[in-house]
Amino acid sequence: MLHVADYGGKEADVVKALEEDIIFGRLAPGTRLVEDVLLGRFPVSRHTIRQALYQLEKLGVVTRERNKGAMVRRLSPDEVRQIYEVRELLQRQAALMIPLPASDALIAELM
């Protein structure tokens, strides 16, 4: 998986900010990511904005279409189901890794 740190510099800041906006729902699925609007938000060059959108496309959170531009990717119901299945498996595995009964030190550390 690609990480923001792999991109470096100002581009990384744009990627991180947009990725967070998408993940936390500030940019809804289907929202167009217009370069001119992004240039007003981020003090970077158009090239940097385009590279950031390309990296977000590689991460799978943005789609780009010729003559339409970039937009926040919509997930299919099947993709959402798969994400929640993986999340459930990870949470279950994390719960199984907790030693029971939990020691006082572990409880204090978790608080």
PDB file of N, CA and C in Angstrom:
ATOM      1  N   MET A   1       0.842  -1.177   0.000  1.00  0.00           N
ATOM      2  CA  MET A   1       0.000   0.000   0.000  1.00  0.00           C
ATOM      3  C   MET A   1       0.886   1.240   0.000  1.00  0.00           C
ATOM      4  N   LEU A   2       0.459   2.258  -0.687  1.00  0.00           N
ATOM      5  CA  LEU A   2       1.191   3.508  -0.743  1.00  0.00           C
ATOM      6  C   LEU A   2       0.895   4.341   0.490  1.00  0.00           C
ATOM      7  N   HIS A   3       1.906   5.011   0.964  1.00  0.00           N
ATOM      8  CA  HIS A   3       1.736   5.874   2.127  1.00  0.00           C
ATOM      9  C   HIS A   3       2.076   7.304   1.751  1.00  0.00           C
ATOM     10  N   VAL A   4       1.474   8.246   2.417  1.00  0.00           N
ATOM     11  CA  VAL A   4       1.684   9.661   2.136  1.00  0.00           C
ATOM     12  C   VAL A   4       3.166  10.008   2.201  1.00  0.00           C
ATOM     13  N   ALA A   5       3.891   9.430   3.124  1.00  0.00           N
ATOM     14  CA  ALA A   5       5.303   9.756   3.294  1.00  0.00           C
ATOM     15  C   ALA A   5       6.125   9.426   2.052  1.00  0.00           C
ATOM     16  N   ASP A   6       5.628   8.540   1.187  1.00  0.00           N
ATOM     17  CA  ASP A   6       6.345   8.167  -0.018  1.00  0.00           C
ATOM     18  C   ASP A   6       6.394   9.295  -1.041  1.00  0.00           C
ATOM     19  N   TYR A   7       5.567  10.293  -0.915  1.00  0.00           N
ATOM     20  CA  TYR A   7       5.464  11.320  -1.946  1.00  0.00           C
ATOM     21  C   TYR A   7       6.369  12.510  -1.683  1.00  0.00           C
ATOM     22  N   GLY A   8       6.552  12.873  -0.456  1.00  0.00           N
ATOM     23  CA  GLY A   8       7.459  13.947  -0.088  1.00  0.00           C
ATOM     24  C   GLY A   8       6.954  15.355  -0.360  1.00  0.00           C
ATOM     25  N   GLY A   9       7.433  16.303   0.445  1.00  0.00           N
ATOM     26  CA  GLY A   9       7.202  17.719   0.223  1.00  0.00           C
ATOM     27  C   GLY A   9       5.773  18.186   0.280  1.00  0.00           C
ATOM     28  N   LYS A  10       5.512  19.275  -0.460  1.00  0.00           N
ATOM     29  CA  LYS A  10       4.197  19.904  -0.454  1.00  0.00           C
ATOM     30  C   LYS A  10       3.129  18.975  -1.014  1.00  0.00           C
ATOM     31  N   GLU A  11       3.515  18.182  -1.988  1.00  0.00           N
ATOM     32  CA  GLU A  11       2.569  17.218  -2.562  1.00  0.00           C
ATOM     33  C   GLU A  11       2.022  16.298  -1.479  1.00  0.00           C
ATOM     34  N   ALA A  12       2.893  15.862  -0.576  1.00  0.00           N
ATOM     35  CA  ALA A  12       2.471  14.990   0.518  1.00  0.00           C
ATOM     36  C   ALA A  12       1.452  15.684   1.407  1.00  0.00           C
ATOM     37  N   ASP A  13       1.641  16.974   1.634  1.00  0.00           N
ATOM     38  CA  ASP A  13       0.691  17.727   2.459  1.00  0.00           C
ATOM     39  C   ASP A  13      -0.683  17.783   1.804  1.00  0.00           C
ATOM     40  N   VAL A  14      -0.706  17.995   0.484  1.00  0.00           N
ATOM     41  CA  VAL A  14      -1.974  18.053  -0.246  1.00  0.00           C
ATOM     42  C   VAL A  14      -2.649  16.687  -0.227  1.00  0.00           C
ATOM     43  N   VAL A  15      -1.874  15.637  -0.494  1.00  0.00           N
ATOM     44  CA  VAL A  15      -2.420  14.275  -0.485  1.00  0.00           C
ATOM     45  C   VAL A  15      -3.007  13.961   0.883  1.00  0.00           C
ATOM     46  N   LYS A  16      -2.251  14.247   1.936  1.00  0.00           N
ATOM     47  CA  LYS A  16      -2.707  13.946   3.295  1.00  0.00           C
ATOM     48  C   LYS A  16      -3.984  14.702   3.636  1.00  0.00           C
ATOM     49  N   ALA A  17      -4.018  15.992   3.316  1.00  0.00           N
ATOM     50  CA  ALA A  17      -5.195  16.808   3.639  1.00  0.00           C
ATOM     51  C   ALA A  17      -6.429  16.317   2.889  1.00  0.00           C
ATOM     52  N   LEU A  18      -6.286  16.041   1.597  1.00  0.00           N
ATOM     53  CA  LEU A  18      -7.435  15.577   0.815  1.00  0.00           C
ATOM     54  C   LEU A  18      -7.869  14.181   1.241  1.00  0.00           C
ATOM     55  N   GLU A  19      -6.897  13.315   1.522  1.00  0.00           N
ATOM     56  CA  GLU A  19      -7.234  11.962   1.974  1.00  0.00           C
ATOM     57  C   GLU A  19      -8.013  12.016   3.293  1.00  0.00           C
ATOM     58  N   GLU A  20      -7.591  12.868   4.214  1.00  0.00           N
ATOM     59  CA  GLU A  20      -8.314  13.018   5.482  1.00  0.00           C
ATOM     60  C   GLU A  20      -9.717  13.567   5.251  1.00  0.00           C
ATOM     61  N   ASP A  21      -9.842  14.544   4.353  1.00  0.00           N
ATOM     62  CA  ASP A  21     -11.168  15.093   4.044  1.00  0.00           C
ATOM     63  C   ASP A  21     -12.095  14.016   3.489  1.00  0.00           C
ATOM     64  N   ILE A  22     -11.550  13.127   2.680  1.00  0.00           N
ATOM     65  CA  ILE A  22     -12.355  12.042   2.104  1.00  0.00           C
ATOM     66  C   ILE A  22     -12.713  11.026   3.176  1.00  0.00           C
ATOM     67  N   ILE A  23     -11.734  10.599   3.948  1.00  0.00           N
ATOM     68  CA  ILE A  23     -11.960   9.574   4.971  1.00  0.00           C
ATOM     69  C   ILE A  23     -12.967  10.041   6.016  1.00  0.00           C
ATOM     70  N   PHE A  24     -12.877  11.310   6.430  1.00  0.00           N
ATOM     71  CA  PHE A  24     -13.769  11.814   7.470  1.00  0.00           C
ATOM     72  C   PHE A  24     -15.067  12.387   6.925  1.00  0.00           C
ATOM     73  N   GLY A  25     -15.301  12.241   5.623  1.00  0.00           N
ATOM     74  CA  GLY A  25     -16.584  12.618   5.036  1.00  0.00           C
ATOM     75  C   GLY A  25     -16.759  14.092   4.724  1.00  0.00           C
ATOM     76  N   ARG A  26     -15.692  14.871   4.844  1.00  0.00           N
ATOM     77  CA  ARG A  26     -15.797  16.288   4.490  1.00  0.00           C
ATOM     78  C   ARG A  26     -15.904  16.468   2.978  1.00  0.00           C
ATOM     79  N   LEU A  27     -15.407  15.478   2.233  1.00  0.00           N
ATOM     80  CA  LEU A  27     -15.584  15.416   0.784  1.00  0.00           C
ATOM     81  C   LEU A  27     -16.354  14.134   0.496  1.00  0.00           C
ATOM     82  N   ALA A  28     -17.593  14.273   0.103  1.00  0.00           N
ATOM     83  CA  ALA A  28     -18.477  13.123  -0.106  1.00  0.00           C
ATOM     84  C   ALA A  28     -18.147  12.405  -1.414  1.00  0.00           C
ATOM     85  N   PRO A  29     -18.497  11.117  -1.498  1.00  0.00           N
ATOM     86  CA  PRO A  29     -18.329  10.392  -2.760  1.00  0.00           C
ATOM     87  C   PRO A  29     -19.025  11.130  -3.900  1.00  0.00           C
ATOM     88  N   GLY A  30     -18.328  11.220  -5.021  1.00  0.00           N
ATOM     89  CA  GLY A  30     -18.875  11.904  -6.182  1.00  0.00           C
ATOM     90  C   GLY A  30     -18.525  13.378  -6.252  1.00  0.00           C
ATOM     91  N   THR A  31     -17.948  13.932  -5.187  1.00  0.00           N
ATOM     92  CA  THR A  31     -17.562  15.344  -5.184  1.00  0.00           C
ATOM     93  C   THR A  31     -16.435  15.569  -6.191  1.00  0.00           C
ATOM     94  N   ARG A  32     -16.611  16.567  -7.051  1.00  0.00           N
ATOM     95  CA  ARG A  32     -15.569  16.904  -8.019  1.00  0.00           C
ATOM     96  C   ARG A  32     -14.442  17.640  -7.313  1.00  0.00           C
ATOM     97  N   LEU A  33     -13.230  17.296  -7.683  1.00  0.00           N
ATOM     98  CA  LEU A  33     -12.041  17.945  -7.139  1.00  0.00           C
ATOM     99  C   LEU A  33     -11.478  18.843  -8.239  1.00  0.00           C
ATOM    100  N   VAL A  34     -11.905  20.084  -8.237  1.00  0.00           N
ATOM    101  CA  VAL A  34     -11.564  21.043  -9.285  1.00  0.00           C
ATOM    102  C   VAL A  34     -10.203  21.670  -8.975  1.00  0.00           C
ATOM    103  N   GLU A  35      -9.305  21.597  -9.950  1.00  0.00           N
ATOM    104  CA  GLU A  35      -7.949  22.099  -9.740  1.00  0.00           C
ATOM    105  C   GLU A  35      -7.929  23.551  -9.278  1.00  0.00           C
ATOM    106  N   ASP A  36      -8.732  24.410  -9.903  1.00  0.00           N
ATOM    107  CA  ASP A  36      -8.730  25.830  -9.528  1.00  0.00           C
ATOM    108  C   ASP A  36      -9.171  26.041  -8.080  1.00  0.00           C
ATOM    109  N   VAL A  37     -10.136  25.256  -7.631  1.00  0.00           N
ATOM    110  CA  VAL A  37     -10.586  25.345  -6.237  1.00  0.00           C
ATOM    111  C   VAL A  37      -9.471  24.882  -5.306  1.00  0.00           C
ATOM    112  N   LEU A  38      -8.808  23.791  -5.677  1.00  0.00           N
ATOM    113  CA  LEU A  38      -7.715  23.271  -4.853  1.00  0.00           C
ATOM    114  C   LEU A  38      -6.534  24.239  -4.826  1.00  0.00           C
ATOM    115  N   LEU A  39      -6.298  24.929  -5.944  1.00  0.00           N
ATOM    116  CA  LEU A  39      -5.231  25.939  -5.972  1.00  0.00           C
ATOM    117  C   LEU A  39      -5.527  27.085  -5.014  1.00  0.00           C
ATOM    118  N   GLY A  40      -6.803  27.400  -4.836  1.00  0.00           N
ATOM    119  CA  GLY A  40      -7.183  28.429  -3.879  1.00  0.00           C
ATOM    120  C   GLY A  40      -7.005  27.983  -2.440  1.00  0.00           C
ATOM    121  N   ARG A  41      -7.093  26.693  -2.222  1.00  0.00           N
ATOM    122  CA  ARG A  41      -6.973  26.155  -0.866  1.00  0.00           C
ATOM    123  C   ARG A  41      -5.517  25.903  -0.467  1.00  0.00           C
ATOM    124  N   PHE A  42      -4.737  25.402  -1.414  1.00  0.00           N
ATOM    125  CA  PHE A  42      -3.351  25.031  -1.117  1.00  0.00           C
ATOM    126  C   PHE A  42      -2.388  25.967  -1.852  1.00  0.00           C
ATOM    127  N   PRO A  43      -1.396  26.510  -1.177  1.00  0.00           N
ATOM    128  CA  PRO A  43      -0.436  27.420  -1.812  1.00  0.00           C
ATOM    129  C   PRO A  43       0.654  26.649  -2.570  1.00  0.00           C
ATOM    130  N   VAL A  44       0.227  25.914  -3.600  1.00  0.00           N
ATOM    131  CA  VAL A  44       1.152  25.099  -4.387  1.00  0.00           C
ATOM    132  C   VAL A  44       0.877  25.334  -5.871  1.00  0.00           C
ATOM    133  N   SER A  45       1.715  24.756  -6.719  1.00  0.00           N
ATOM    134  CA  SER A  45       1.550  24.903  -8.161  1.00  0.00           C
ATOM    135  C   SER A  45       0.476  23.947  -8.688  1.00  0.00           C
ATOM    136  N   ARG A  46       0.005  24.224  -9.892  1.00  0.00           N
ATOM    137  CA  ARG A  46      -0.969  23.343 -10.544  1.00  0.00           C
ATOM    138  C   ARG A  46      -0.373  21.943 -10.729  1.00  0.00           C
ATOM    139  N   HIS A  47       0.910  21.893 -11.047  1.00  0.00           N
ATOM    140  CA  HIS A  47       1.585  20.597 -11.208  1.00  0.00           C
ATOM    141  C   HIS A  47       1.498  19.782  -9.913  1.00  0.00           C
ATOM    142  N   THR A  48       1.720  20.433  -8.787  1.00  0.00           N
ATOM    143  CA  THR A  48       1.653  19.744  -7.493  1.00  0.00           C
ATOM    144  C   THR A  48       0.244  19.225  -7.231  1.00  0.00           C
ATOM    145  N   ILE A  49      -0.774  20.022  -7.558  1.00  0.00           N
ATOM    146  CA  ILE A  49      -2.165  19.580  -7.394  1.00  0.00           C
ATOM    147  C   ILE A  49      -2.424  18.362  -8.266  1.00  0.00           C
ATOM    148  N   ARG A  50      -1.981  18.413  -9.510  1.00  0.00           N
ATOM    149  CA  ARG A  50      -2.200  17.286 -10.427  1.00  0.00           C
ATOM    150  C   ARG A  50      -1.495  16.027  -9.939  1.00  0.00           C
ATOM    151  N   GLN A  51      -0.283  16.184  -9.444  1.00  0.00           N
ATOM    152  CA  GLN A  51       0.447  15.026  -8.916  1.00  0.00           C
ATOM    153  C   GLN A  51      -0.252  14.459  -7.681  1.00  0.00           C
ATOM    154  N   ALA A  52      -0.763  15.318  -6.830  1.00  0.00           N
ATOM    155  CA  ALA A  52      -1.484  14.856  -5.637  1.00  0.00           C
ATOM    156  C   ALA A  52      -2.739  14.084  -6.043  1.00  0.00           C
ATOM    157  N   LEU A  53      -3.465  14.582  -7.034  1.00  0.00           N
ATOM    158  CA  LEU A  53      -4.661  13.874  -7.509  1.00  0.00           C
ATOM    159  C   LEU A  53      -4.287  12.529  -8.114  1.00  0.00           C
ATOM    160  N   TYR A  54      -3.166  12.483  -8.812  1.00  0.00           N
ATOM    161  CA  TYR A  54      -2.680  11.217  -9.376  1.00  0.00           C
ATOM    162  C   TYR A  54      -2.367  10.228  -8.254  1.00  0.00           C
ATOM    163  N   GLN A  55      -1.707  10.696  -7.197  1.00  0.00           N
ATOM    164  CA  GLN A  55      -1.386   9.809  -6.074  1.00  0.00           C
ATOM    165  C   GLN A  55      -2.655   9.327  -5.376  1.00  0.00           C
ATOM    166  N   LEU A  56      -3.638  10.204  -5.234  1.00  0.00           N
ATOM    167  CA  LEU A  56      -4.913   9.796  -4.624  1.00  0.00           C
ATOM    168  C   LEU A  56      -5.634   8.774  -5.495  1.00  0.00           C
ATOM    169  N   GLU A  57      -5.484   8.911  -6.804  1.00  0.00           N
ATOM    170  CA  GLU A  57      -6.062   7.909  -7.705  1.00  0.00           C
ATOM    171  C   GLU A  57      -5.369   6.563  -7.502  1.00  0.00           C
ATOM    172  N   LYS A  58      -4.046   6.574  -7.354  1.00  0.00           N
ATOM    173  CA  LYS A  58      -3.303   5.339  -7.099  1.00  0.00           C
ATOM    174  C   LYS A  58      -3.714   4.702  -5.774  1.00  0.00           C
ATOM    175  N   LEU A  59      -4.056   5.538  -4.791  1.00  0.00           N
ATOM    176  CA  LEU A  59      -4.520   5.026  -3.496  1.00  0.00           C
ATOM    177  C   LEU A  59      -5.936   4.459  -3.584  1.00  0.00           C
ATOM    178  N   GLY A  60      -6.655   4.804  -4.655  1.00  0.00           N
ATOM    179  CA  GLY A  60      -8.002   4.274  -4.853  1.00  0.00           C
ATOM    180  C   GLY A  60      -9.112   5.110  -4.255  1.00  0.00           C
ATOM    181  N   VAL A  61      -8.816   6.330  -3.828  1.00  0.00           N
ATOM    182  CA  VAL A  61      -9.857   7.163  -3.220  1.00  0.00           C
ATOM    183  C   VAL A  61     -10.398   8.222  -4.174  1.00  0.00           C
ATOM    184  N   VAL A  62      -9.740   8.382  -5.320  1.00  0.00           N
ATOM    185  CA  VAL A  62     -10.153   9.355  -6.331  1.00  0.00           C
ATOM    186  C   VAL A  62     -10.181   8.666  -7.689  1.00  0.00           C
ATOM    187  N   THR A  63     -11.147   9.049  -8.518  1.00  0.00           N
ATOM    188  CA  THR A  63     -11.158   8.596  -9.907  1.00  0.00           C
ATOM    189  C   THR A  63     -10.967   9.816 -10.793  1.00  0.00           C
ATOM    190  N   ARG A  64     -10.340   9.595 -11.938  1.00  0.00           N
ATOM    191  CA  ARG A  64     -10.147  10.690 -12.887  1.00  0.00           C
ATOM    192  C   ARG A  64     -10.659  10.246 -14.245  1.00  0.00           C
ATOM    193  N   GLU A  65     -11.439  11.123 -14.873  1.00  0.00           N
ATOM    194  CA  GLU A  65     -11.963  10.846 -16.201  1.00  0.00           C
ATOM    195  C   GLU A  65     -11.575  11.986 -17.127  1.00  0.00           C
ATOM    196  N   ARG A  66     -11.223  11.612 -18.346  1.00  0.00           N
ATOM    197  CA  ARG A  66     -10.863  12.617 -19.346  1.00  0.00           C
ATOM    198  C   ARG A  66     -12.030  13.577 -19.556  1.00  0.00           C
ATOM    199  N   ASN A  67     -11.734  14.844 -19.619  1.00  0.00           N
ATOM    200  CA  ASN A  67     -12.702  15.932 -19.833  1.00  0.00           C
ATOM    201  C   ASN A  67     -13.698  16.117 -18.686  1.00  0.00           C
ATOM    202  N   LYS A  68     -13.551  15.359 -17.609  1.00  0.00           N
ATOM    203  CA  LYS A  68     -14.423  15.530 -16.443  1.00  0.00           C
ATOM    204  C   LYS A  68     -13.616  15.902 -15.211  1.00  0.00           C
ATOM    205  N   GLY A  69     -12.374  15.462 -15.164  1.00  0.00           N
ATOM    206  CA  GLY A  69     -11.525  15.756 -14.024  1.00  0.00           C
ATOM    207  C   GLY A  69     -11.579  14.677 -12.959  1.00  0.00           C
ATOM    208  N   ALA A  70     -11.149  15.062 -11.773  1.00  0.00           N
ATOM    209  CA  ALA A  70     -11.063  14.123 -10.653  1.00  0.00           C
ATOM    210  C   ALA A  70     -12.284  14.262  -9.758  1.00  0.00           C
ATOM    211  N   MET A  71     -12.678  13.142  -9.165  1.00  0.00           N
ATOM    212  CA  MET A  71     -13.773  13.167  -8.194  1.00  0.00           C
ATOM    213  C   MET A  71     -13.548  12.081  -7.154  1.00  0.00           C
ATOM    214  N   VAL A  72     -14.146  12.290  -5.999  1.00  0.00           N
ATOM    215  CA  VAL A  72     -14.042  11.322  -4.912  1.00  0.00           C
ATOM    216  C   VAL A  72     -14.739  10.040  -5.358  1.00  0.00           C
ATOM    217  N   ARG A  73     -14.047   8.939  -5.208  1.00  0.00           N
ATOM    218  CA  ARG A  73     -14.550   7.646  -5.674  1.00  0.00           C
ATOM    219  C   ARG A  73     -15.738   7.176  -4.840  1.00  0.00           C
ATOM    220  N   ARG A  74     -16.715   6.625  -5.537  1.00  0.00           N
ATOM    221  CA  ARG A  74     -17.864   6.000  -4.874  1.00  0.00           C
ATOM    222  C   ARG A  74     -17.557   4.516  -4.691  1.00  0.00           C
ATOM    223  N   LEU A  75     -17.842   3.998  -3.514  1.00  0.00           N
ATOM    224  CA  LEU A  75     -17.653   2.572  -3.259  1.00  0.00           C
ATOM    225  C   LEU A  75     -18.948   1.840  -3.548  1.00  0.00           C
ATOM    226  N   SER A  76     -18.807   0.658  -4.131  1.00  0.00           N
ATOM    227  CA  SER A  76     -19.987  -0.161  -4.386  1.00  0.00           C
ATOM    228  C   SER A  76     -20.429  -0.800  -3.069  1.00  0.00           C
ATOM    229  N   PRO A  77     -21.682  -1.245  -2.993  1.00  0.00           N
ATOM    230  CA  PRO A  77     -22.131  -1.933  -1.776  1.00  0.00           C
ATOM    231  C   PRO A  77     -21.253  -3.142  -1.446  1.00  0.00           C
ATOM    232  N   ASP A  78     -20.777  -3.844  -2.469  1.00  0.00           N
ATOM    233  CA  ASP A  78     -19.925  -5.008  -2.237  1.00  0.00           C
ATOM    234  C   ASP A  78     -18.579  -4.591  -1.640  1.00  0.00           C
ATOM    235  N   GLU A  79     -18.016  -3.487  -2.106  1.00  0.00           N
ATOM    236  CA  GLU A  79     -16.752  -3.000  -1.548  1.00  0.00           C
ATOM    237  C   GLU A  79     -16.921  -2.589  -0.088  1.00  0.00           C
ATOM    238  N   VAL A  80     -18.016  -1.938   0.231  1.00  0.00           N
ATOM    239  CA  VAL A  80     -18.285  -1.540   1.617  1.00  0.00           C
ATOM    240  C   VAL A  80     -18.421  -2.779   2.497  1.00  0.00           C
ATOM    241  N   ARG A  81     -19.132  -3.784   2.004  1.00  0.00           N
ATOM    242  CA  ARG A  81     -19.297  -5.032   2.756  1.00  0.00           C
ATOM    243  C   ARG A  81     -17.937  -5.674   3.015  1.00  0.00           C
ATOM    244  N   GLN A  82     -17.080  -5.719   1.993  1.00  0.00           N
ATOM    245  CA  GLN A  82     -15.753  -6.314   2.152  1.00  0.00           C
ATOM    246  C   GLN A  82     -14.916  -5.549   3.177  1.00  0.00           C
ATOM    247  N   ILE A  83     -15.001  -4.238   3.153  1.00  0.00           N
ATOM    248  CA  ILE A  83     -14.254  -3.421   4.117  1.00  0.00           C
ATOM    249  C   ILE A  83     -14.692  -3.752   5.542  1.00  0.00           C
ATOM    250  N   TYR A  84     -15.995  -3.856   5.752  1.00  0.00           N
ATOM    251  CA  TYR A  84     -16.493  -4.159   7.094  1.00  0.00           C
ATOM    252  C   TYR A  84     -16.161  -5.587   7.513  1.00  0.00           C
ATOM    253  N   GLU A  85     -16.110  -6.518   6.565  1.00  0.00           N
ATOM    254  CA  GLU A  85     -15.715  -7.885   6.903  1.00  0.00           C
ATOM    255  C   GLU A  85     -14.264  -7.924   7.372  1.00  0.00           C
ATOM    256  N   VAL A  86     -13.388  -7.218   6.671  1.00  0.00           N
ATOM    257  CA  VAL A  86     -11.980  -7.171   7.070  1.00  0.00           C
ATOM    258  C   VAL A  86     -11.841  -6.483   8.424  1.00  0.00           C
ATOM    259  N   ARG A  87     -12.582  -5.403   8.617  1.00  0.00           N
ATOM    260  CA  ARG A  87     -12.537  -4.691   9.895  1.00  0.00           C
ATOM    261  C   ARG A  87     -12.973  -5.604  11.038  1.00  0.00           C
ATOM    262  N   GLU A  88     -14.035  -6.369  10.811  1.00  0.00           N
ATOM    263  CA  GLU A  88     -14.515  -7.290  11.839  1.00  0.00           C
ATOM    264  C   GLU A  88     -13.450  -8.326  12.180  1.00  0.00           C
ATOM    265  N   LEU A  89     -12.776  -8.869  11.158  1.00  0.00           N
ATOM    266  CA  LEU A  89     -11.720  -9.851  11.399  1.00  0.00           C
ATOM    267  C   LEU A  89     -10.566  -9.248  12.198  1.00  0.00           C
ATOM    268  N   LEU A  90     -10.179  -8.037  11.847  1.00  0.00           N
ATOM    269  CA  LEU A  90      -9.077  -7.381  12.557  1.00  0.00           C
ATOM    270  C   LEU A  90      -9.434  -7.083  14.008  1.00  0.00           C
ATOM    271  N   GLN A  91     -10.655  -6.608  14.229  1.00  0.00           N
ATOM    272  CA  GLN A  91     -11.076  -6.310  15.602  1.00  0.00           C
ATOM    273  C   GLN A  91     -11.172  -7.588  16.433  1.00  0.00           C
ATOM    274  N   ARG A  92     -11.670  -8.644  15.820  1.00  0.00           N
ATOM    275  CA  ARG A  92     -11.770  -9.918  16.535  1.00  0.00           C
ATOM    276  C   ARG A  92     -10.380 -10.422  16.902  1.00  0.00           C
ATOM    277  N   GLN A  93      -9.438 -10.344  15.955  1.00  0.00           N
ATOM    278  CA  GLN A  93      -8.076 -10.798  16.218  1.00  0.00           C
ATOM    279  C   GLN A  93      -7.421  -9.949  17.305  1.00  0.00           C
ATOM    280  N   ALA A  94      -7.648  -8.646  17.272  1.00  0.00           N
ATOM    281  CA  ALA A  94      -7.088  -7.766  18.304  1.00  0.00           C
ATOM    282  C   ALA A  94      -7.640  -8.128  19.677  1.00  0.00           C
ATOM    283  N   ALA A  95      -8.923  -8.428  19.746  1.00  0.00           N
ATOM    284  CA  ALA A  95      -9.540  -8.806  21.026  1.00  0.00           C
ATOM    285  C   ALA A  95      -8.968 -10.125  21.530  1.00  0.00           C
ATOM    286  N   LEU A  96      -8.695 -11.054  20.619  1.00  0.00           N
ATOM    287  CA  LEU A  96      -8.142 -12.346  21.024  1.00  0.00           C
ATOM    288  C   LEU A  96      -6.707 -12.226  21.531  1.00  0.00           C
ATOM    289  N   MET A  97      -6.018 -11.182  21.144  1.00  0.00           N
ATOM    290  CA  MET A  97      -4.626 -10.999  21.555  1.00  0.00           C
ATOM    291  C   MET A  97      -4.497 -10.411  22.955  1.00  0.00           C
ATOM    292  N   ILE A  98      -5.579  -9.918  23.525  1.00  0.00           N
ATOM    293  CA  ILE A  98      -5.542  -9.349  24.872  1.00  0.00           C
ATOM    294  C   ILE A  98      -5.494 -10.494  25.884  1.00  0.00           C
ATOM    295  N   PRO A  99      -4.476 -10.503  26.729  1.00  0.00           N
ATOM    296  CA  PRO A  99      -4.391 -11.574  27.728  1.00  0.00           C
ATOM    297  C   PRO A  99      -5.501 -11.426  28.772  1.00  0.00           C
ATOM    298  N   LEU A 100      -6.193 -12.522  29.011  1.00  0.00           N
ATOM    299  CA  LEU A 100      -7.279 -12.514  29.996  1.00  0.00           C
ATOM    300  C   LEU A 100      -6.974 -13.508  31.093  1.00  0.00           C
ATOM    301  N   PRO A 101      -7.254 -13.246  32.310  1.00  0.00           N
ATOM    302  CA  PRO A 101      -7.769 -11.970  32.796  1.00  0.00           C
ATOM    303  C   PRO A 101      -6.692 -10.899  32.684  1.00  0.00           C
ATOM    304  N   ALA A 102      -7.111  -9.704  32.399  1.00  0.00           N
ATOM    305  CA  ALA A 102      -6.191  -8.582  32.217  1.00  0.00           C
ATOM    306  C   ALA A 102      -5.578  -8.182  33.551  1.00  0.00           C
ATOM    307  N   SER A 103      -4.276  -7.951  33.518  1.00  0.00           N
ATOM    308  CA  SER A 103      -3.580  -7.522  34.739  1.00  0.00           C
ATOM    309  C   SER A 103      -3.924  -6.063  35.033  1.00  0.00           C
ATOM    310  N   ASP A 104      -3.710  -5.671  36.272  1.00  0.00           N
ATOM    311  CA  ASP A 104      -3.948  -4.276  36.658  1.00  0.00           C
ATOM    312  C   ASP A 104      -3.071  -3.325  35.845  1.00  0.00           C
ATOM    313  N   ALA A 105      -1.839  -3.753  35.542  1.00  0.00           N
ATOM    314  CA  ALA A 105      -0.923  -2.912  34.760  1.00  0.00           C
ATOM    315  C   ALA A 105      -1.457  -2.701  33.345  1.00  0.00           C
ATOM    316  N   LEU A 106      -2.006  -3.763  32.737  1.00  0.00           N
ATOM    317  CA  LEU A 106      -2.562  -3.645  31.391  1.00  0.00           C
ATOM    318  C   LEU A 106      -3.780  -2.730  31.389  1.00  0.00           C
ATOM    319  N   ILE A 107      -4.634  -2.883  32.367  1.00  0.00           N
ATOM    320  CA  ILE A 107      -5.828  -2.032  32.461  1.00  0.00           C
ATOM    321  C   ILE A 107      -5.420  -0.575  32.628  1.00  0.00           C
ATOM    322  N   ALA A 108      -4.422  -0.322  33.472  1.00  0.00           N
ATOM    323  CA  ALA A 108      -3.946   1.049  33.675  1.00  0.00           C
ATOM    324  C   ALA A 108      -3.351   1.614  32.389  1.00  0.00           C
ATOM    325  N   GLU A 109      -2.632   0.772  31.638  1.00  0.00           N
ATOM    326  CA  GLU A 109      -2.027   1.213  30.377  1.00  0.00           C
ATOM    327  C   GLU A 109      -3.094   1.560  29.338  1.00  0.00           C
ATOM    328  N   LEU A 110      -4.179   0.817  29.318  1.00  0.00           N
ATOM    329  CA  LEU A 110      -5.252   1.051  28.354  1.00  0.00           C
ATOM    330  C   LEU A 110      -6.094   2.265  28.707  1.00  0.00           C
ATOM    331  N   MET A 111      -6.072   2.666  29.957  1.00  0.00           N
ATOM    332  CA  MET A 111      -6.855   3.830  30.383  1.00  0.00           C
ATOM    333  C   MET A 111      -6.105   5.034  30.006  1.00  0.00           C
TER     334      MET A 111
END
